[in-house]
């Protein structure tokens, strides 16, 4: 290790570059008990972009009753003018899309489920009903020239239903892409996936005709498998990985879910593999330490703790 960076040993079987889809400002902060002031959120996003993250998911237009931590979406977006990054926002339905369009959003995401139980818990709809709700949202967004991402939760396991059959995840994935989503993020919402499972699902999606360049992965670290699962996905050709600065986040509707894969832990691994990300690990770590101070607790990221000498 030199100057806080690992030695690089490239692997020719892996991609040479990975795009990190940073979700800390949305998926991370929406699960915090503390309501973070709007100005602090804006500064957090500006610092993430300054650290080299070119995609920072900014907020959500879900009704404030369900996600009060992100009730300030209308106040936040105007503060982000000039931020040098893509700033997608989550929208649950047509009303959320209209709010986002009114503020000039250029990218949106919709949030579906591979399982009936989670679809009911999160959207109060069946899987089919949720897809029907998304169809006009995606179509309208595409007509307006917006890029659309689809999130698919519970791709590997569900707290109510247990293991999720590969064919079910493949079927719902295919339907979201057929609606017009440009990219699909495969979520291990409760963190139960293992590398073999990841490989099997990505293989099944490939066999179903889903191009790997339209896929991203979104892992939680409940069982300490997030980095191993990410490496398995990279070996299958995935080049977009979701991560959360400082390891913030979980899932409010899946109580067993711990935090997202920490962006710093991901960057440390990718740097060591010689995989380019464009991210300055030192600046990113400093940003997570700064945010941890606002949240009143240390970052759960091992890399943040190691580089900043934070106590657990």
C-alpha atoms as a PDB file:
ATOM      1  CA  UNK A   1       0.000   0.000   0.000  1.00  0.00           C
ATOM      2  CA  UNK A   2       1.329   3.440  -1.027  1.00  0.00           C
ATOM      3  CA  UNK A   3      -0.297   6.718   0.073  1.00  0.00           C
ATOM      4  CA  UNK A   4      -3.447   4.966   1.181  1.00  0.00           C
ATOM      5  CA  UNK A   5      -3.984   3.049  -2.061  1.00  0.00           C
ATOM      6  CA  UNK A   6      -3.612  -0.693  -2.705  1.00  0.00           C
ATOM      7  CA  UNK A   7      -1.069  -2.084  -5.128  1.00  0.00           C
ATOM      8  CA  UNK A   8      -2.733  -2.861  -8.457  1.00  0.00           C
ATOM      9  CA  UNK A   9      -2.678  -6.330 -10.004  1.00  0.00           C
ATOM     10  CA  UNK A  10      -4.956  -6.294 -13.080  1.00  0.00           C
ATOM     11  CA  UNK A  11      -6.915  -9.380 -14.059  1.00  0.00           C
ATOM     12  CA  UNK A  12      -7.385  -9.733 -17.849  1.00  0.00           C
ATOM     13  CA  UNK A  13     -10.654 -11.586 -17.261  1.00  0.00           C
ATOM     14  CA  UNK A  14     -12.247  -8.477 -15.724  1.00  0.00           C
ATOM     15  CA  UNK A  15     -13.491  -5.196 -17.235  1.00  0.00           C
ATOM     16  CA  UNK A  16     -10.975  -2.380 -17.459  1.00  0.00           C
ATOM     17  CA  UNK A  17     -13.472   0.221 -16.231  1.00  0.00           C
ATOM     18  CA  UNK A  18     -16.520   0.175 -13.950  1.00  0.00           C
ATOM     19  CA  UNK A  19     -19.170   2.858 -13.571  1.00  0.00           C
ATOM     20  CA  UNK A  20     -20.253   3.324  -9.976  1.00  0.00           C
ATOM     21  CA  UNK A  21     -23.890   4.296  -9.538  1.00  0.00           C
ATOM     22  CA  UNK A  22     -23.756   6.139  -6.216  1.00  0.00           C
ATOM     23  CA  UNK A  23     -26.946   5.718  -4.162  1.00  0.00           C
ATOM     24  CA  UNK A  24     -25.939   7.112  -0.769  1.00  0.00           C
ATOM     25  CA  UNK A  25     -27.804  10.404  -1.083  1.00  0.00           C
ATOM     26  CA  UNK A  26     -31.066   8.602  -1.869  1.00  0.00           C
ATOM     27  CA  UNK A  27     -31.055   4.954  -0.796  1.00  0.00           C
ATOM     28  CA  UNK A  28     -28.677   5.720   2.044  1.00  0.00           C
ATOM     29  CA  UNK A  29     -30.271   8.787   3.603  1.00  0.00           C
ATOM     30  CA  UNK A  30     -33.849   7.537   3.208  1.00  0.00           C
ATOM     31  CA  UNK A  31     -33.133   4.933   5.889  1.00  0.00           C
ATOM     32  CA  UNK A  32     -31.610   7.289   8.432  1.00  0.00           C
ATOM     33  CA  UNK A  33     -33.588   8.069  11.572  1.00  0.00           C
ATOM     34  CA  UNK A  34     -32.135  11.559  11.502  1.00  0.00           C
ATOM     35  CA  UNK A  35     -33.671  14.021   9.038  1.00  0.00           C
ATOM     36  CA  UNK A  36     -30.675  15.510   7.253  1.00  0.00           C
ATOM     37  CA  UNK A  37     -31.051  19.224   6.386  1.00  0.00           C
ATOM     38  CA  UNK A  38     -31.527  19.991   2.709  1.00  0.00           C
ATOM     39  CA  UNK A  39     -28.370  22.116   2.538  1.00  0.00           C
ATOM     40  CA  UNK A  40     -26.323  19.238   3.987  1.00  0.00           C
ATOM     41  CA  UNK A  41     -27.750  16.830   1.404  1.00  0.00           C
ATOM     42  CA  UNK A  42     -26.833  19.242  -1.388  1.00  0.00           C
ATOM     43  CA  UNK A  43     -23.303  19.594  -0.047  1.00  0.00           C
ATOM     44  CA  UNK A  44     -23.038  15.800   0.269  1.00  0.00           C
ATOM     45  CA  UNK A  45     -23.943  15.397  -3.400  1.00  0.00           C
ATOM     46  CA  UNK A  46     -21.544  18.139  -4.461  1.00  0.00           C
ATOM     47  CA  UNK A  47     -18.719  16.453  -2.535  1.00  0.00           C
ATOM     48  CA  UNK A  48     -19.531  13.050  -4.021  1.00  0.00           C
ATOM     49  CA  UNK A  49     -19.355  14.516  -7.514  1.00  0.00           C
ATOM     50  CA  UNK A  50     -16.105  16.317  -6.678  1.00  0.00           C
ATOM     51  CA  UNK A  51     -14.643  12.956  -5.601  1.00  0.00           C
ATOM     52  CA  UNK A  52     -15.159  11.719  -9.157  1.00  0.00           C
ATOM     53  CA  UNK A  53     -18.515   9.942  -8.969  1.00  0.00           C
ATOM     54  CA  UNK A  54     -20.222  10.727 -12.271  1.00  0.00           C
ATOM     55  CA  UNK A  55     -23.633   9.316 -11.274  1.00  0.00           C
ATOM     56  CA  UNK A  56     -25.176  10.324  -7.947  1.00  0.00           C
ATOM     57  CA  UNK A  57     -28.797   9.357  -7.339  1.00  0.00           C
ATOM     58  CA  UNK A  58     -30.101  12.533  -5.763  1.00  0.00           C
ATOM     59  CA  UNK A  59     -33.496  11.930  -4.175  1.00  0.00           C
ATOM     60  CA  UNK A  60     -36.917  10.323  -4.448  1.00  0.00           C
ATOM     61  CA  UNK A  61     -40.342  11.679  -5.335  1.00  0.00           C
ATOM     62  CA  UNK A  62     -42.140   9.148  -3.182  1.00  0.00           C
ATOM     63  CA  UNK A  63     -44.928  10.605  -1.026  1.00  0.00           C
ATOM     64  CA  UNK A  64     -43.412  12.173   2.132  1.00  0.00           C
ATOM     65  CA  UNK A  65     -45.708  10.009   4.275  1.00  0.00           C
ATOM     66  CA  UNK A  66     -43.722   6.936   3.216  1.00  0.00           C
ATOM     67  CA  UNK A  67     -40.222   8.400   3.061  1.00  0.00           C
ATOM     68  CA  UNK A  68     -40.154  11.547   5.236  1.00  0.00           C
ATOM     69  CA  UNK A  69     -36.362  11.732   5.031  1.00  0.00           C
ATOM     70  CA  UNK A  70     -36.659  12.730   1.357  1.00  0.00           C
ATOM     71  CA  UNK A  71     -39.661  15.031   1.646  1.00  0.00           C
ATOM     72  CA  UNK A  72     -37.536  17.971   0.479  1.00  0.00           C
ATOM     73  CA  UNK A  73     -37.004  16.798  -3.120  1.00  0.00           C
ATOM     74  CA  UNK A  74     -38.482  20.009  -4.552  1.00  0.00           C
ATOM     75  CA  UNK A  75     -36.149  22.113  -2.418  1.00  0.00           C
ATOM     76  CA  UNK A  76     -33.070  19.952  -3.061  1.00  0.00           C
ATOM     77  CA  UNK A  77     -32.922  19.699  -6.849  1.00  0.00           C
ATOM     78  CA  UNK A  78     -32.606  23.464  -7.525  1.00  0.00           C
ATOM     79  CA  UNK A  79     -29.587  23.520  -5.193  1.00  0.00           C
ATOM     80  CA  UNK A  80     -27.804  21.035  -7.453  1.00  0.00           C
ATOM     81  CA  UNK A  81     -27.560  23.214 -10.553  1.00  0.00           C
ATOM     82  CA  UNK A  82     -24.061  22.952 -11.965  1.00  0.00           C
ATOM     83  CA  UNK A  83     -23.128  19.710 -10.192  1.00  0.00           C
ATOM     84  CA  UNK A  84     -20.909  17.840 -12.700  1.00  0.00           C
ATOM     85  CA  UNK A  85     -22.691  14.483 -12.462  1.00  0.00           C
ATOM     86  CA  UNK A  86     -25.740  12.637 -13.652  1.00  0.00           C
ATOM     87  CA  UNK A  87     -28.439  13.115 -10.998  1.00  0.00           C
ATOM     88  CA  UNK A  88     -31.178  10.482 -11.417  1.00  0.00           C
ATOM     89  CA  UNK A  89     -34.215  10.541  -9.139  1.00  0.00           C
ATOM     90  CA  UNK A  90     -36.588   7.778  -8.073  1.00  0.00           C
ATOM     91  CA  UNK A  91     -40.253   8.109  -9.031  1.00  0.00           C
ATOM     92  CA  UNK A  92     -42.944   5.653  -7.857  1.00  0.00           C
ATOM     93  CA  UNK A  93     -45.745   6.617 -10.228  1.00  0.00           C
ATOM     94  CA  UNK A  94     -47.000   9.198 -12.728  1.00  0.00           C
ATOM     95  CA  UNK A  95     -47.463  11.854 -10.067  1.00  0.00           C
ATOM     96  CA  UNK A  96     -43.864  11.434  -8.972  1.00  0.00           C
ATOM     97  CA  UNK A  97     -42.739  11.691 -12.597  1.00  0.00           C
ATOM     98  CA  UNK A  98     -44.687  14.911 -13.081  1.00  0.00           C
ATOM     99  CA  UNK A  99     -43.006  16.415 -10.013  1.00  0.00           C
ATOM    100  CA  UNK A 100     -39.585  15.386 -11.310  1.00  0.00           C
ATOM    101  CA  UNK A 101     -40.240  16.726 -14.810  1.00  0.00           C
ATOM    102  CA  UNK A 102     -41.377  20.070 -13.387  1.00  0.00           C
ATOM    103  CA  UNK A 103     -37.959  20.441 -11.782  1.00  0.00           C
ATOM    104  CA  UNK A 104     -36.016  19.525 -14.899  1.00  0.00           C
ATOM    105  CA  UNK A 105     -34.910  16.016 -13.956  1.00  0.00           C
ATOM    106  CA  UNK A 106     -33.120  14.293 -16.828  1.00  0.00           C
ATOM    107  CA  UNK A 107     -33.007  10.738 -15.475  1.00  0.00           C
ATOM    108  CA  UNK A 108     -35.489   8.732 -13.448  1.00  0.00           C
ATOM    109  CA  UNK A 109     -35.752   5.302 -11.892  1.00  0.00           C
ATOM    110  CA  UNK A 110     -38.727   3.062 -11.095  1.00  0.00           C
ATOM    111  CA  UNK A 111     -38.626   0.485  -8.324  1.00  0.00           C
ATOM    112  CA  UNK A 112     -40.163  -2.964  -8.857  1.00  0.00           C
ATOM    113  CA  UNK A 113     -40.052  -6.348  -7.164  1.00  0.00           C
ATOM    114  CA  UNK A 114     -39.430  -9.915  -8.295  1.00  0.00           C
ATOM    115  CA  UNK A 115     -41.718 -11.220  -5.525  1.00  0.00           C
ATOM    116  CA  UNK A 116     -45.378 -10.736  -4.736  1.00  0.00           C
ATOM    117  CA  UNK A 117     -44.837 -10.243  -0.986  1.00  0.00           C
ATOM    118  CA  UNK A 118     -42.421  -7.357  -1.406  1.00  0.00           C
ATOM    119  CA  UNK A 119     -44.490  -5.800  -4.182  1.00  0.00           C
ATOM    120  CA  UNK A 120     -47.418  -5.727  -1.745  1.00  0.00           C
ATOM    121  CA  UNK A 121     -45.305  -4.379   1.125  1.00  0.00           C
ATOM    122  CA  UNK A 122     -43.534  -1.713  -0.929  1.00  0.00           C
ATOM    123  CA  UNK A 123     -46.106  -0.701  -3.550  1.00  0.00           C
ATOM    124  CA  UNK A 124     -49.386  -2.153  -2.237  1.00  0.00           C
ATOM    125  CA  UNK A 125     -49.787  -3.876  -5.603  1.00  0.00           C
ATOM    126  CA  UNK A 126     -49.103  -7.250  -7.175  1.00  0.00           C
ATOM    127  CA  UNK A 127     -46.085  -7.635  -9.456  1.00  0.00           C
ATOM    128  CA  UNK A 128     -48.330  -7.437 -12.523  1.00  0.00           C
ATOM    129  CA  UNK A 129     -50.181  -4.415 -11.184  1.00  0.00           C
ATOM    130  CA  UNK A 130     -46.920  -2.613 -10.417  1.00  0.00           C
ATOM    131  CA  UNK A 131     -45.661  -3.247 -13.948  1.00  0.00           C
ATOM    132  CA  UNK A 132     -48.922  -1.877 -15.320  1.00  0.00           C
ATOM    133  CA  UNK A 133     -48.400   1.241 -13.184  1.00  0.00           C
ATOM    134  CA  UNK A 134     -44.831   1.662 -14.452  1.00  0.00           C
ATOM    135  CA  UNK A 135     -45.708   1.301 -18.148  1.00  0.00           C
ATOM    136  CA  UNK A 136     -47.111   4.832 -18.721  1.00  0.00           C
ATOM    137  CA  UNK A 137     -44.450   6.326 -16.431  1.00  0.00           C
ATOM    138  CA  UNK A 138     -41.630   4.817 -18.475  1.00  0.00           C
ATOM    139  CA  UNK A 139     -43.324   5.655 -21.775  1.00  0.00           C
ATOM    140  CA  UNK A 140     -43.900   9.298 -20.792  1.00  0.00           C
ATOM    141  CA  UNK A 141     -40.351   9.667 -19.503  1.00  0.00           C
ATOM    142  CA  UNK A 142     -38.906   8.223 -22.701  1.00  0.00           C
ATOM    143  CA  UNK A 143     -41.088  10.540 -24.808  1.00  0.00           C
ATOM    144  CA  UNK A 144     -39.679  13.463 -22.799  1.00  0.00           C
ATOM    145  CA  UNK A 145     -36.137  12.335 -23.604  1.00  0.00           C
ATOM    146  CA  UNK A 146     -35.317  11.026 -20.126  1.00  0.00           C
ATOM    147  CA  UNK A 147     -33.115   8.051 -19.405  1.00  0.00           C
ATOM    148  CA  UNK A 148     -34.960   5.422 -17.344  1.00  0.00           C
ATOM    149  CA  UNK A 149     -33.507   2.922 -14.911  1.00  0.00           C
ATOM    150  CA  UNK A 150     -35.440   0.015 -13.474  1.00  0.00           C
ATOM    151  CA  UNK A 151     -34.687  -1.331 -10.009  1.00  0.00           C
ATOM    152  CA  UNK A 152     -35.693  -4.907  -9.323  1.00  0.00           C
ATOM    153  CA  UNK A 153     -35.750  -5.861  -5.640  1.00  0.00           C
ATOM    154  CA  UNK A 154     -35.639  -9.336  -4.081  1.00  0.00           C
ATOM    155  CA  UNK A 155     -33.794 -10.899  -7.021  1.00  0.00           C
ATOM    156  CA  UNK A 156     -32.136 -13.525  -4.825  1.00  0.00           C
ATOM    157  CA  UNK A 157     -34.233 -13.917  -1.693  1.00  0.00           C
ATOM    158  CA  UNK A 158     -37.305 -12.536   0.057  1.00  0.00           C
ATOM    159  CA  UNK A 159     -37.874 -12.345   3.843  1.00  0.00           C
ATOM    160  CA  UNK A 160     -41.416 -13.696   3.470  1.00  0.00           C
ATOM    161  CA  UNK A 161     -41.052 -16.108   0.540  1.00  0.00           C
ATOM    162  CA  UNK A 162     -37.497 -17.366   0.939  1.00  0.00           C
ATOM    163  CA  UNK A 163     -35.332 -18.199  -2.063  1.00  0.00           C
ATOM    164  CA  UNK A 164     -36.499 -16.667  -5.342  1.00  0.00           C
ATOM    165  CA  UNK A 165     -36.464 -18.982  -8.386  1.00  0.00           C
ATOM    166  CA  UNK A 166     -34.139 -17.812 -11.154  1.00  0.00           C
ATOM    167  CA  UNK A 167     -36.881 -18.009 -13.749  1.00  0.00           C
ATOM    168  CA  UNK A 168     -39.085 -15.607 -11.785  1.00  0.00           C
ATOM    169  CA  UNK A 169     -36.361 -12.972 -11.583  1.00  0.00           C
ATOM    170  CA  UNK A 170     -35.576 -13.453 -15.274  1.00  0.00           C
ATOM    171  CA  UNK A 171     -39.239 -13.086 -16.229  1.00  0.00           C
ATOM    172  CA  UNK A 172     -39.782  -9.835 -14.324  1.00  0.00           C
ATOM    173  CA  UNK A 173     -36.400  -8.486 -15.492  1.00  0.00           C
ATOM    174  CA  UNK A 174     -37.384  -9.099 -19.092  1.00  0.00           C
ATOM    175  CA  UNK A 175     -40.717  -7.347 -18.602  1.00  0.00           C
ATOM    176  CA  UNK A 176     -39.108  -4.236 -17.055  1.00  0.00           C
ATOM    177  CA  UNK A 177     -36.679  -3.975 -19.950  1.00  0.00           C
ATOM    178  CA  UNK A 178     -39.486  -4.524 -22.439  1.00  0.00           C
ATOM    179  CA  UNK A 179     -41.329  -1.557 -20.883  1.00  0.00           C
ATOM    180  CA  UNK A 180     -38.467   0.630 -22.084  1.00  0.00           C
ATOM    181  CA  UNK A 181     -36.002   0.803 -19.191  1.00  0.00           C
ATOM    182  CA  UNK A 182     -32.518   1.616 -20.450  1.00  0.00           C
ATOM    183  CA  UNK A 183     -30.852  -0.171 -17.558  1.00  0.00           C
ATOM    184  CA  UNK A 184     -31.898  -2.723 -14.953  1.00  0.00           C
ATOM    185  CA  UNK A 185     -30.361  -2.881 -11.485  1.00  0.00           C
ATOM    186  CA  UNK A 186     -30.589  -6.342  -9.907  1.00  0.00           C
ATOM    187  CA  UNK A 187     -31.091  -5.958  -6.159  1.00  0.00           C
ATOM    188  CA  UNK A 188     -30.038  -8.368  -3.421  1.00  0.00           C
ATOM    189  CA  UNK A 189     -32.301  -6.500  -1.042  1.00  0.00           C
ATOM    190  CA  UNK A 190     -31.722  -8.644   2.050  1.00  0.00           C
ATOM    191  CA  UNK A 191     -28.127  -9.576   1.240  1.00  0.00           C
ATOM    192  CA  UNK A 192     -28.548 -13.349   0.904  1.00  0.00           C
ATOM    193  CA  UNK A 193     -26.869 -13.854  -2.484  1.00  0.00           C
ATOM    194  CA  UNK A 194     -23.616 -15.749  -2.902  1.00  0.00           C
ATOM    195  CA  UNK A 195     -21.233 -15.644  -5.876  1.00  0.00           C
ATOM    196  CA  UNK A 196     -22.547 -18.871  -7.382  1.00  0.00           C
ATOM    197  CA  UNK A 197     -26.098 -17.563  -7.221  1.00  0.00           C
ATOM    198  CA  UNK A 198     -25.034 -14.315  -8.877  1.00  0.00           C
ATOM    199  CA  UNK A 199     -23.315 -16.203 -11.679  1.00  0.00           C
ATOM    200  CA  UNK A 200     -26.341 -18.469 -12.168  1.00  0.00           C
ATOM    201  CA  UNK A 201     -28.755 -15.534 -12.419  1.00  0.00           C
ATOM    202  CA  UNK A 202     -26.576 -13.573 -14.836  1.00  0.00           C
ATOM    203  CA  UNK A 203     -26.140 -16.698 -16.955  1.00  0.00           C
ATOM    204  CA  UNK A 204     -29.911 -17.236 -17.015  1.00  0.00           C
ATOM    205  CA  UNK A 205     -30.481 -13.619 -18.032  1.00  0.00           C
ATOM    206  CA  UNK A 206     -27.923 -13.955 -20.827  1.00  0.00           C
ATOM    207  CA  UNK A 207     -29.654 -17.107 -22.056  1.00  0.00           C
ATOM    208  CA  UNK A 208     -32.952 -15.191 -22.027  1.00  0.00           C
ATOM    209  CA  UNK A 209     -31.477 -12.604 -24.377  1.00  0.00           C
ATOM    210  CA  UNK A 210     -30.783  -9.829 -21.870  1.00  0.00           C
ATOM    211  CA  UNK A 211     -27.612  -7.913 -22.880  1.00  0.00           C
ATOM    212  CA  UNK A 212     -25.171  -7.692 -19.989  1.00  0.00           C
ATOM    213  CA  UNK A 213     -24.427  -4.062 -20.819  1.00  0.00           C
ATOM    214  CA  UNK A 214     -27.993  -3.191 -19.739  1.00  0.00           C
ATOM    215  CA  UNK A 215     -27.517  -4.709 -16.286  1.00  0.00           C
ATOM    216  CA  UNK A 216     -26.243  -3.303 -13.002  1.00  0.00           C
ATOM    217  CA  UNK A 217     -25.914  -5.010  -9.633  1.00  0.00           C
ATOM    218  CA  UNK A 218     -26.990  -3.725  -6.229  1.00  0.00           C
ATOM    219  CA  UNK A 219     -25.723  -5.760  -3.270  1.00  0.00           C
ATOM    220  CA  UNK A 220     -26.286  -5.511   0.467  1.00  0.00           C
ATOM    221  CA  UNK A 221     -23.699  -6.810   2.903  1.00  0.00           C
ATOM    222  CA  UNK A 222     -25.917  -8.637   5.401  1.00  0.00           C
ATOM    223  CA  UNK A 223     -23.778 -11.785   5.279  1.00  0.00           C
ATOM    224  CA  UNK A 224     -20.534 -10.107   4.225  1.00  0.00           C
ATOM    225  CA  UNK A 225     -20.906 -11.221   0.605  1.00  0.00           C
ATOM    226  CA  UNK A 226     -21.313  -7.906  -1.234  1.00  0.00           C
ATOM    227  CA  UNK A 227     -17.749  -7.615  -2.557  1.00  0.00           C
ATOM    228  CA  UNK A 228     -17.535 -11.301  -3.453  1.00  0.00           C
ATOM    229  CA  UNK A 229     -20.843 -11.032  -5.282  1.00  0.00           C
ATOM    230  CA  UNK A 230     -19.651  -7.917  -7.099  1.00  0.00           C
ATOM    231  CA  UNK A 231     -16.519  -9.707  -8.267  1.00  0.00           C
ATOM    232  CA  UNK A 232     -18.655 -12.590  -9.564  1.00  0.00           C
ATOM    233  CA  UNK A 233     -20.791 -10.096 -11.497  1.00  0.00           C
ATOM    234  CA  UNK A 234     -17.709  -8.443 -12.994  1.00  0.00           C
ATOM    235  CA  UNK A 235     -16.500 -11.835 -14.199  1.00  0.00           C
ATOM    236  CA  UNK A 236     -19.833 -12.188 -16.018  1.00  0.00           C
ATOM    237  CA  UNK A 237     -19.284  -8.869 -17.800  1.00  0.00           C
ATOM    238  CA  UNK A 238     -21.276  -6.443 -15.637  1.00  0.00           C
ATOM    239  CA  UNK A 239     -19.668  -2.990 -15.614  1.00  0.00           C
ATOM    240  CA  UNK A 240     -22.150  -0.932 -13.548  1.00  0.00           C
ATOM    241  CA  UNK A 241     -22.209  -1.394  -9.781  1.00  0.00           C
ATOM    242  CA  UNK A 242     -24.442   0.369  -7.269  1.00  0.00           C
ATOM    243  CA  UNK A 243     -22.799   1.437  -4.033  1.00  0.00           C
ATOM    244  CA  UNK A 244     -23.406   3.840  -1.170  1.00  0.00           C
ATOM    245  CA  UNK A 245     -20.821   6.231   0.231  1.00  0.00           C
ATOM    246  CA  UNK A 246     -19.839   5.135   3.720  1.00  0.00           C
ATOM    247  CA  UNK A 247     -22.099   2.065   3.489  1.00  0.00           C
ATOM    248  CA  UNK A 248     -25.250   4.068   4.229  1.00  0.00           C
ATOM    249  CA  UNK A 249     -28.641   2.541   3.655  1.00  0.00           C
ATOM    250  CA  UNK A 250     -30.763  -0.550   3.906  1.00  0.00           C
ATOM    251  CA  UNK A 251     -34.417  -1.091   3.082  1.00  0.00           C
ATOM    252  CA  UNK A 252     -37.313   0.257   5.180  1.00  0.00           C
ATOM    253  CA  UNK A 253     -39.615  -2.573   4.059  1.00  0.00           C
ATOM    254  CA  UNK A 254     -37.125  -5.410   4.652  1.00  0.00           C
ATOM    255  CA  UNK A 255     -36.022  -5.191   8.264  1.00  0.00           C
ATOM    256  CA  UNK A 256     -33.299  -7.825   7.931  1.00  0.00           C
ATOM    257  CA  UNK A 257     -31.445  -5.752   5.339  1.00  0.00           C
ATOM    258  CA  UNK A 258     -28.232  -4.084   6.448  1.00  0.00           C
ATOM    259  CA  UNK A 259     -26.412  -1.380   4.564  1.00  0.00           C
ATOM    260  CA  UNK A 260     -25.536  -1.220   0.922  1.00  0.00           C
ATOM    261  CA  UNK A 261     -22.100  -2.106  -0.339  1.00  0.00           C
ATOM    262  CA  UNK A 262     -19.866   0.784   0.743  1.00  0.00           C
ATOM    263  CA  UNK A 263     -18.502   2.765  -2.186  1.00  0.00           C
ATOM    264  CA  UNK A 264     -15.095   3.054  -0.513  1.00  0.00           C
ATOM    265  CA  UNK A 265     -14.835  -0.721  -0.045  1.00  0.00           C
ATOM    266  CA  UNK A 266     -15.752  -1.190  -3.703  1.00  0.00           C
ATOM    267  CA  UNK A 267     -13.223   1.381  -4.917  1.00  0.00           C
ATOM    268  CA  UNK A 268     -10.482  -0.182  -2.779  1.00  0.00           C
ATOM    269  CA  UNK A 269     -11.091  -3.551  -4.449  1.00  0.00           C
ATOM    270  CA  UNK A 270     -11.353  -2.100  -7.943  1.00  0.00           C
ATOM    271  CA  UNK A 271      -8.194  -0.020  -7.478  1.00  0.00           C
ATOM    272  CA  UNK A 272      -6.386  -3.179  -6.422  1.00  0.00           C
ATOM    273  CA  UNK A 273      -7.564  -4.910  -9.593  1.00  0.00           C
ATOM    274  CA  UNK A 274      -6.403  -2.036 -11.774  1.00  0.00           C
ATOM    275  CA  UNK A 275      -9.998  -1.253 -12.779  1.00  0.00           C
ATOM    276  CA  UNK A 276     -10.605   2.430 -13.508  1.00  0.00           C
ATOM    277  CA  UNK A 277     -13.503   4.232 -11.811  1.00  0.00           C
ATOM    278  CA  UNK A 278     -12.468   7.876 -11.895  1.00  0.00           C
ATOM    279  CA  UNK A 279     -13.021   8.081  -8.135  1.00  0.00           C
ATOM    280  CA  UNK A 280     -10.539   9.714  -5.764  1.00  0.00           C
ATOM    281  CA  UNK A 281     -10.645   7.397  -2.752  1.00  0.00           C
ATOM    282  CA  UNK A 282      -9.151   9.965  -0.387  1.00  0.00           C
ATOM    283  CA  UNK A 283     -11.734  12.625  -1.224  1.00  0.00           C
ATOM    284  CA  UNK A 284     -14.535  10.079  -1.078  1.00  0.00           C
ATOM    285  CA  UNK A 285     -13.428   8.845   2.348  1.00  0.00           C
ATOM    286  CA  UNK A 286     -13.247  12.417   3.638  1.00  0.00           C
ATOM    287  CA  UNK A 287     -16.792  12.979   2.364  1.00  0.00           C
ATOM    288  CA  UNK A 288     -18.107   9.928   4.212  1.00  0.00           C
ATOM    289  CA  UNK A 289     -16.333  10.974   7.414  1.00  0.00           C
ATOM    290  CA  UNK A 290     -17.925  14.415   7.046  1.00  0.00           C
ATOM    291  CA  UNK A 291     -21.397  12.897   6.565  1.00  0.00           C
ATOM    292  CA  UNK A 292     -20.870  10.508   9.483  1.00  0.00           C
ATOM    293  CA  UNK A 293     -20.289  13.573  11.619  1.00  0.00           C
ATOM    294  CA  UNK A 294     -23.649  14.994  10.578  1.00  0.00           C
ATOM    295  CA  UNK A 295     -25.321  11.663  11.335  1.00  0.00           C
ATOM    296  CA  UNK A 296     -23.655  11.404  14.730  1.00  0.00           C
ATOM    297  CA  UNK A 297     -22.112   7.959  14.248  1.00  0.00           C
ATOM    298  CA  UNK A 298     -19.066   6.414  12.558  1.00  0.00           C
ATOM    299  CA  UNK A 299     -19.241   5.030   9.050  1.00  0.00           C
ATOM    300  CA  UNK A 300     -19.788   1.252   8.825  1.00  0.00           C
ATOM    301  CA  UNK A 301     -17.376   1.064   5.872  1.00  0.00           C
ATOM    302  CA  UNK A 302     -14.218  -0.842   6.761  1.00  0.00           C
ATOM    303  CA  UNK A 303     -12.194   1.180   4.268  1.00  0.00           C
ATOM    304  CA  UNK A 304     -13.423   4.482   5.668  1.00  0.00           C
ATOM    305  CA  UNK A 305     -12.476   3.350   9.168  1.00  0.00           C
ATOM    306  CA  UNK A 306      -9.065   2.114   8.087  1.00  0.00           C
ATOM    307  CA  UNK A 307      -8.121   5.210   6.092  1.00  0.00           C
ATOM    308  CA  UNK A 308      -9.544   7.702   8.575  1.00  0.00           C
ATOM    309  CA  UNK A 309      -8.628   5.788  11.759  1.00  0.00           C
ATOM    310  CA  UNK A 310     -12.244   5.916  12.927  1.00  0.00           C
ATOM    311  CA  UNK A 311     -13.214   3.722  15.847  1.00  0.00           C
ATOM    312  CA  UNK A 312     -16.057   1.220  15.236  1.00  0.00           C
END
